[in-house]
Amino acid sequence: MKKWILLALLVGVIYTSYTVFIKATHFTTEKASFEYTKEGLSALADTLSAKKIIRDKPSFLLLAKLFNVEEKIKPGKFLIQKNTSLLNLIRMLRNNKQATVKFILNKVRTKADLAKLIANTFAIDSTESMRYLTSNDSLRPFDTDTTQVFTLFLPNTYEFYWSTPMNKLLQKMKSEENLFWSKNNRIEKAAAIGLTKNEVYTLASIVEEETNFDTDKSIIASVYQNRLKKKMPLQACPTIKYAMQDFTLTRIYEKYLTNPSPYNTYKKAGLPPGPICTPAPKTIDLVLNAPNTNYIYFVAKADFSGYHHFSATYEEHSKFAKEYQHKLDEYQANKLKEK
């Protein structure tokens, strides 16, 4: 009987030693992750067991209490490598070595879309992020307001802790914005064309929505700058879509042009109050470095290539516009026939 007891104890010691010092995990993937939100060690142990990050709850709780994990760990997301020992897992939690997440910011058009992206990336719900984005009091420390808040967000990929709060996120975005504008004489270039950095960002947001082609973006930027200098209405179709909050519109009809929104650049002179999307940094540079032209008008080419015709006179522009409208009418008529 004693032999069996000793054997059982020996097996227990070997198993515990293996788990504690060699390998606690038994998931099959290369990595596993979990989130801690102050639910307590017992609930955390249940989560870790369910994800096969630990083999038994008692060993985890014993070591966690021994290393004062509950006093040290903070809410966050943790990434565990395959074959991690229980001792290394405990050390990771005690030292609060959280995993980072990638905040991948591309073009977004509305605060709701931005709030959703933030909520999908961080431990921040969309209600909280939306509250920040729509509160001048919350945005004041970052030298912006609800109409200009997009100017803090330059499309790129950023690394953060999953538990990053909204104020820290905006603080980082503000730092990145300052860094961007401090380079390549961007502030000086903006001043040279008579615009502030926020106005350049807003103009770039319109250009971003006009085309995907950089060559055309550059010339479209020059057209809009020429209109601003002449105090002409911008008459930018993307601002109508923004005013209507309908980004599916493929054709801007006369009835849309009466929209009273301050973003309607057919009715309101000058730039709209703020950006209509988050433009790529490259588009901002295309606006800053736009060529000097005498173009006042542009219209999409009738071959639907996505490129544009540019004109200095209304007569020339009218000819190209009629060609495009004719082809568009044909296209839409053919689509109706197919139905």
Protein backbone atom coordinates (compact mmCIF):
# COMPACT_ATOMS: atom_id res chain seq x y z
CA MET A 1 0.00 0.00 0.00
CA LYS A 2 2.83 2.38 0.91
CA LYS A 3 4.43 1.73 -2.46
CA TRP A 4 1.27 2.73 -4.25
CA ILE A 5 0.99 5.91 -2.15
CA LEU A 6 4.61 6.79 -2.86
CA LEU A 7 4.10 6.07 -6.53
CA ALA A 8 1.01 8.28 -6.62
CA LEU A 9 2.90 11.06 -4.86
CA LEU A 10 5.79 10.68 -7.27
CA VAL A 11 3.45 10.86 -10.26
CA GLY A 12 1.81 13.92 -8.73
CA VAL A 13 5.16 15.62 -8.19
CA ILE A 14 6.27 14.83 -11.75
CA TYR A 15 2.98 16.05 -13.21
CA THR A 16 3.04 19.23 -11.13
CA SER A 17 6.68 19.89 -11.96
CA TYR A 18 6.01 19.33 -15.66
CA THR A 19 3.06 21.73 -15.59
CA VAL A 20 4.72 24.37 -13.45
CA PHE A 21 8.17 24.38 -15.01
CA ILE A 22 7.81 22.89 -18.51
CA LYS A 23 4.39 22.93 -20.14
CA ALA A 24 1.02 24.05 -18.83
CA THR A 25 -0.75 24.73 -22.11
CA HIS A 26 -2.47 22.02 -24.10
CA PHE A 27 -4.09 23.98 -26.93
CA THR A 28 -3.06 22.94 -30.44
CA THR A 29 -2.54 26.33 -32.09
CA GLU A 30 0.72 28.29 -31.89
CA LYS A 31 -0.84 31.02 -29.76
CA ALA A 32 -3.92 31.60 -27.63
CA SER A 33 -5.29 34.80 -26.16
CA PHE A 34 -7.59 35.80 -23.34
CA GLU A 35 -8.95 38.98 -21.83
CA TYR A 36 -8.90 39.92 -18.16
CA THR A 37 -11.48 42.41 -16.93
CA LYS A 38 -11.14 42.26 -13.13
CA GLU A 39 -13.41 39.24 -12.84
CA GLY A 40 -11.27 37.68 -10.10
CA LEU A 41 -8.75 34.85 -10.12
CA SER A 42 -11.27 32.03 -9.84
CA ALA A 43 -13.23 33.20 -12.89
CA LEU A 44 -9.94 33.83 -14.73
CA ALA A 45 -8.85 30.27 -13.94
CA ASP A 46 -12.11 28.98 -15.43
CA THR A 47 -11.42 30.99 -18.61
CA LEU A 48 -7.86 29.68 -18.83
CA SER A 49 -9.03 26.10 -18.32
CA ALA A 50 -11.69 26.45 -21.01
CA LYS A 51 -9.09 27.79 -23.44
CA LYS A 52 -6.66 24.97 -22.49
CA ILE A 53 -4.08 27.46 -21.29
CA ILE A 54 -3.84 25.73 -17.89
CA ARG A 55 -4.34 22.09 -17.04
CA ASP A 56 -5.78 22.42 -13.55
CA LYS A 57 -7.31 25.25 -11.59
CA PRO A 58 -5.89 24.49 -8.09
CA SER A 59 -2.25 24.72 -9.22
CA PHE A 60 -2.92 28.01 -10.97
CA LEU A 61 -4.71 29.53 -7.97
CA LEU A 62 -1.99 28.37 -5.56
CA LEU A 63 0.81 29.95 -7.60
CA ALA A 64 -1.25 33.06 -8.38
CA LYS A 65 -1.80 33.70 -4.68
CA LEU A 66 1.84 32.96 -3.89
CA PHE A 67 2.97 35.57 -6.45
CA ASN A 68 0.27 38.13 -5.53
CA VAL A 69 -1.09 38.10 -9.10
CA GLU A 70 -4.45 39.57 -8.16
CA GLU A 71 -2.79 42.69 -6.76
CA LYS A 72 -0.54 43.18 -9.79
CA ILE A 73 -2.57 42.20 -12.85
CA LYS A 74 -4.47 44.89 -14.72
CA PRO A 75 -7.34 44.57 -17.18
CA GLY A 76 -6.09 43.80 -20.65
CA LYS A 77 -5.50 41.24 -23.35
CA PHE A 78 -2.80 38.58 -22.99
CA LEU A 79 -1.20 36.41 -25.66
CA ILE A 80 0.14 33.01 -24.65
CA GLN A 81 2.61 30.98 -26.71
CA LYS A 82 2.18 27.25 -27.12
CA ASN A 83 3.98 25.14 -24.45
CA THR A 84 4.21 28.01 -21.95
CA SER A 85 4.80 26.79 -18.40
CA LEU A 86 2.49 27.69 -15.56
CA LEU A 87 5.31 29.56 -13.82
CA ASN A 88 5.94 31.71 -16.91
CA LEU A 89 2.23 32.34 -17.29
CA ILE A 90 2.06 33.52 -13.66
CA ARG A 91 5.05 35.79 -14.20
CA MET A 92 3.44 37.24 -17.32
CA LEU A 93 0.27 38.04 -15.40
CA ARG A 94 2.14 39.42 -12.39
CA ASN A 95 4.30 41.65 -14.58
CA ASN A 96 1.25 42.64 -16.63
CA LYS A 97 2.87 41.80 -19.98
CA GLN A 98 -0.14 42.47 -22.16
CA ALA A 99 -0.49 41.77 -25.84
CA THR A 100 -0.68 44.66 -28.26
CA VAL A 101 -3.43 45.08 -30.83
CA LYS A 102 -3.20 46.67 -34.26
CA PHE A 103 -5.41 49.69 -34.83
CA ILE A 104 -5.73 49.57 -38.62
CA LEU A 105 -7.17 52.87 -39.75
CA ASN A 106 -8.18 53.19 -43.38
CA LYS A 107 -10.74 55.57 -44.83
CA VAL A 108 -13.80 56.11 -42.65
CA ARG A 109 -16.58 58.55 -43.45
CA THR A 110 -18.60 58.98 -40.27
CA LYS A 111 -18.04 59.20 -36.54
CA ALA A 112 -20.26 56.14 -36.15
CA ASP A 113 -17.94 54.13 -38.42
CA LEU A 114 -14.90 55.35 -36.47
CA ALA A 115 -16.57 54.52 -33.15
CA LYS A 116 -17.33 51.01 -34.43
CA LEU A 117 -13.73 50.50 -35.55
CA ILE A 118 -12.46 51.62 -32.15
CA ALA A 119 -14.89 49.29 -30.36
CA ASN A 120 -13.81 46.36 -32.55
CA THR A 121 -10.15 46.98 -31.71
CA PHE A 122 -10.11 48.03 -28.05
CA ALA A 123 -11.86 47.28 -24.79
CA ILE A 124 -13.99 50.36 -25.43
CA ASP A 125 -17.61 49.99 -26.43
CA SER A 126 -18.95 52.01 -29.35
CA THR A 127 -21.20 54.06 -27.04
CA GLU A 128 -18.22 55.32 -25.05
CA SER A 129 -16.13 56.07 -28.13
CA MET A 130 -19.07 57.84 -29.79
CA ARG A 131 -19.58 59.92 -26.65
CA TYR A 132 -15.96 61.09 -26.88
CA LEU A 133 -16.15 61.82 -30.59
CA THR A 134 -19.31 63.90 -30.20
CA SER A 135 -18.32 65.84 -27.08
CA ASN A 136 -16.44 69.13 -27.40
CA ASP A 137 -15.58 68.93 -23.69
CA SER A 138 -13.91 65.54 -24.19
CA LEU A 139 -12.07 66.71 -27.31
CA ARG A 140 -10.87 70.08 -25.99
CA PRO A 141 -7.65 68.69 -24.40
CA PHE A 142 -6.63 67.48 -27.86
CA ASP A 143 -7.11 70.91 -29.45
CA THR A 144 -10.01 69.82 -31.65
CA ASP A 145 -13.79 69.71 -31.71
CA THR A 146 -16.58 67.56 -33.09
CA THR A 147 -16.33 68.99 -36.61
CA GLN A 148 -12.54 68.70 -36.82
CA VAL A 149 -11.92 65.48 -34.83
CA PHE A 150 -11.12 63.46 -37.97
CA THR A 151 -8.02 65.62 -38.45
CA LEU A 152 -6.45 63.71 -35.54
CA PHE A 153 -6.77 60.44 -37.43
CA LEU A 154 -4.23 59.76 -40.17
CA PRO A 155 -4.79 56.40 -41.89
CA ASN A 156 -2.04 54.00 -40.88
CA THR A 157 -1.48 50.94 -38.71
CA TYR A 158 -0.81 51.67 -35.04
CA GLU A 159 0.01 49.40 -32.09
CA PHE A 160 -1.71 49.83 -28.73
CA TYR A 161 -2.58 47.80 -25.69
CA TRP A 162 -6.07 46.36 -25.97
CA SER A 163 -7.02 48.09 -22.71
CA THR A 164 -6.00 51.54 -23.99
CA PRO A 165 -8.70 54.03 -22.88
CA MET A 166 -10.21 56.58 -25.23
CA ASN A 167 -8.24 59.54 -23.87
CA LYS A 168 -4.93 57.70 -24.37
CA LEU A 169 -5.93 56.73 -27.90
CA LEU A 170 -6.67 60.35 -28.78
CA GLN A 171 -3.47 61.46 -27.08
CA LYS A 172 -1.50 59.11 -29.30
CA MET A 173 -3.39 60.26 -32.41
CA LYS A 174 -2.67 63.88 -31.51
CA SER A 175 1.05 63.08 -31.20
CA GLU A 176 1.01 61.32 -34.57
CA GLU A 177 -0.79 64.27 -36.15
CA ASN A 178 1.80 66.72 -34.77
CA LEU A 179 4.63 64.50 -35.99
CA PHE A 180 3.13 64.27 -39.49
CA TRP A 181 2.72 68.03 -39.87
CA SER A 182 6.19 68.75 -38.49
CA LYS A 183 7.81 66.94 -41.42
CA ASN A 184 8.51 67.85 -45.06
CA ASN A 185 7.61 71.54 -44.62
CA ARG A 186 3.92 70.67 -44.60
CA ILE A 187 2.87 73.63 -42.43
CA GLU A 188 4.83 76.01 -44.66
CA LYS A 189 3.33 74.48 -47.81
CA ALA A 190 -0.18 74.87 -46.38
CA ALA A 191 0.48 78.52 -45.62
CA ALA A 192 1.83 79.04 -49.15
CA ILE A 193 -1.53 77.99 -50.62
CA GLY A 194 -3.43 80.06 -48.06
CA LEU A 195 -4.80 77.17 -45.98
CA THR A 196 -4.42 75.92 -42.43
CA LYS A 197 -3.45 72.29 -41.81
CA ASN A 198 -7.06 71.46 -40.93
CA GLU A 199 -8.29 73.09 -44.14
CA VAL A 200 -5.76 71.07 -46.13
CA TYR A 201 -7.00 67.91 -44.41
CA THR A 202 -10.61 68.82 -45.24
CA LEU A 203 -9.76 69.53 -48.88
CA ALA A 204 -7.82 66.25 -49.04
CA SER A 205 -10.89 64.41 -47.70
CA ILE A 206 -12.92 65.71 -50.66
CA VAL A 207 -10.17 64.82 -53.15
CA GLU A 208 -9.94 61.35 -51.57
CA GLU A 209 -13.60 60.76 -52.38
CA GLU A 210 -13.33 62.00 -55.97
CA THR A 211 -10.98 59.36 -57.40
CA ASN A 212 -8.61 56.49 -56.67
CA PHE A 213 -5.96 57.73 -59.12
CA ASP A 214 -3.13 59.81 -57.70
CA THR A 215 -2.48 61.62 -60.99
CA ASP A 216 -6.07 62.84 -61.05
CA LYS A 217 -6.10 63.60 -57.33
CA SER A 218 -3.25 66.05 -57.81
CA ILE A 219 -5.04 67.95 -60.60
CA ILE A 220 -8.42 67.84 -58.84
CA ALA A 221 -6.70 69.43 -55.84
CA SER A 222 -5.48 72.22 -58.14
CA VAL A 223 -9.02 72.72 -59.49
CA TYR A 224 -10.44 73.14 -56.00
CA GLN A 225 -7.62 75.47 -54.99
CA ASN A 226 -8.35 77.58 -58.09
CA ARG A 227 -12.04 77.73 -57.17
CA LEU A 228 -11.19 78.78 -53.62
CA LYS A 229 -8.92 81.55 -54.91
CA LYS A 230 -11.67 82.79 -57.21
CA LYS A 231 -14.20 82.51 -54.35
CA MET A 232 -16.27 80.15 -56.47
CA PRO A 233 -18.41 77.46 -54.84
CA LEU A 234 -16.49 74.18 -54.70
CA GLN A 235 -19.54 72.28 -56.02
CA ALA A 236 -17.99 69.00 -54.88
CA CYS A 237 -20.31 66.03 -55.36
CA PRO A 238 -18.79 64.03 -52.45
CA THR A 239 -19.97 66.75 -50.06
CA ILE A 240 -23.54 66.19 -51.26
CA LYS A 241 -23.25 62.50 -50.45
CA TYR A 242 -21.94 63.43 -47.03
CA ALA A 243 -24.72 65.96 -46.51
CA MET A 244 -27.26 63.30 -47.49
CA GLN A 245 -25.38 60.66 -45.43
CA ASP A 246 -25.89 58.38 -48.41
CA PHE A 247 -22.60 57.13 -49.81
CA THR A 248 -24.26 54.78 -52.27
CA LEU A 249 -25.36 57.62 -54.57
CA THR A 250 -23.90 57.19 -58.05
CA ARG A 251 -25.56 60.24 -59.56
CA ILE A 252 -26.16 63.65 -58.02
CA TYR A 253 -29.58 64.96 -59.10
CA GLU A 254 -30.72 68.58 -58.97
CA LYS A 255 -33.07 67.84 -56.05
CA TYR A 256 -30.10 66.90 -53.84
CA LEU A 257 -28.44 70.28 -54.35
CA THR A 258 -31.01 72.09 -52.20
CA ASN A 259 -29.99 70.21 -49.04
CA PRO A 260 -29.51 72.88 -46.32
CA SER A 261 -26.53 71.07 -44.75
CA PRO A 262 -23.42 73.23 -44.19
CA TYR A 263 -21.57 70.44 -46.02
CA ASN A 264 -23.46 71.22 -49.24
CA THR A 265 -20.73 73.00 -51.21
CA TYR A 266 -23.19 73.83 -53.98
CA LYS A 267 -25.06 76.17 -51.59
CA LYS A 268 -22.30 77.11 -49.14
CA ALA A 269 -19.18 78.93 -50.33
CA GLY A 270 -15.70 77.76 -49.38
CA LEU A 271 -14.69 74.55 -47.67
CA PRO A 272 -17.21 72.58 -45.62
CA PRO A 273 -16.97 72.89 -41.80
CA GLY A 274 -14.79 69.80 -41.50
CA PRO A 275 -13.51 66.65 -43.22
CA ILE A 276 -15.91 64.25 -44.94
CA CYS A 277 -13.61 61.24 -44.49
CA THR A 278 -10.12 60.34 -43.27
CA PRO A 279 -7.88 60.88 -46.31
CA ALA A 280 -4.65 58.98 -46.86
CA PRO A 281 -1.49 60.88 -45.86
CA LYS A 282 -0.42 60.60 -49.50
CA THR A 283 -3.55 62.48 -50.58
CA ILE A 284 -2.76 65.26 -48.11
CA ASP A 285 0.67 65.57 -49.71
CA LEU A 286 -0.88 65.62 -53.18
CA VAL A 287 -3.00 68.58 -52.08
CA LEU A 288 0.04 70.35 -50.61
CA ASN A 289 2.06 69.73 -53.77
CA ALA A 290 -0.70 70.25 -56.33
CA PRO A 291 0.53 71.73 -59.64
CA ASN A 292 -0.32 75.24 -60.76
CA THR A 293 -3.02 74.95 -63.42
CA ASN A 294 -5.73 77.13 -64.93
CA TYR A 295 -8.33 74.37 -64.64
CA ILE A 296 -11.67 75.29 -63.10
CA TYR A 297 -13.78 72.27 -64.12
CA PHE A 298 -13.49 68.50 -64.29
CA VAL A 299 -15.78 65.61 -65.12
CA ALA A 300 -15.37 61.84 -65.30
CA LYS A 301 -14.39 60.44 -68.66
CA ALA A 302 -17.15 58.75 -70.67
CA ASP A 303 -15.20 55.49 -70.86
CA PHE A 304 -15.86 54.94 -67.12
CA SER A 305 -12.14 54.44 -66.57
CA GLY A 306 -12.26 56.51 -63.41
CA TYR A 307 -10.08 59.22 -64.92
CA HIS A 308 -11.25 62.77 -65.60
CA HIS A 309 -11.27 65.50 -68.23
CA PHE A 310 -10.03 68.89 -66.96
CA SER A 311 -11.05 72.22 -68.49
CA ALA A 312 -10.28 75.90 -68.08
CA THR A 313 -13.52 77.03 -69.78
CA TYR A 314 -17.13 76.15 -69.17
CA GLU A 315 -17.70 75.56 -72.90
CA GLU A 316 -15.07 72.83 -73.05
CA HIS A 317 -16.25 71.34 -69.78
CA SER A 318 -19.86 71.31 -71.00
CA LYS A 319 -18.88 69.22 -74.02
CA PHE A 320 -17.15 66.61 -71.86
CA ALA A 321 -19.98 66.65 -69.32
CA LYS A 322 -22.57 65.96 -72.03
CA GLU A 323 -20.51 63.03 -73.31
CA TYR A 324 -20.35 61.56 -69.83
CA GLN A 325 -24.06 62.10 -69.11
CA HIS A 326 -24.97 60.50 -72.45
CA LYS A 327 -22.90 57.40 -71.69
CA LEU A 328 -24.27 57.25 -68.16
CA ASP A 329 -27.84 57.41 -69.47
CA GLU A 330 -27.05 54.57 -71.90
CA TYR A 331 -25.50 52.48 -69.16
CA GLN A 332 -28.44 52.90 -66.82
CA ALA A 333 -30.94 52.20 -69.63
CA ASN A 334 -29.13 48.96 -70.45
CA LYS A 335 -29.19 47.93 -66.81
CA LEU A 336 -32.96 48.44 -66.72
CA LYS A 337 -33.35 46.27 -69.84
CA GLU A 338 -31.35 43.48 -68.20
CA LYS A 339 -33.81 43.45 -65.33
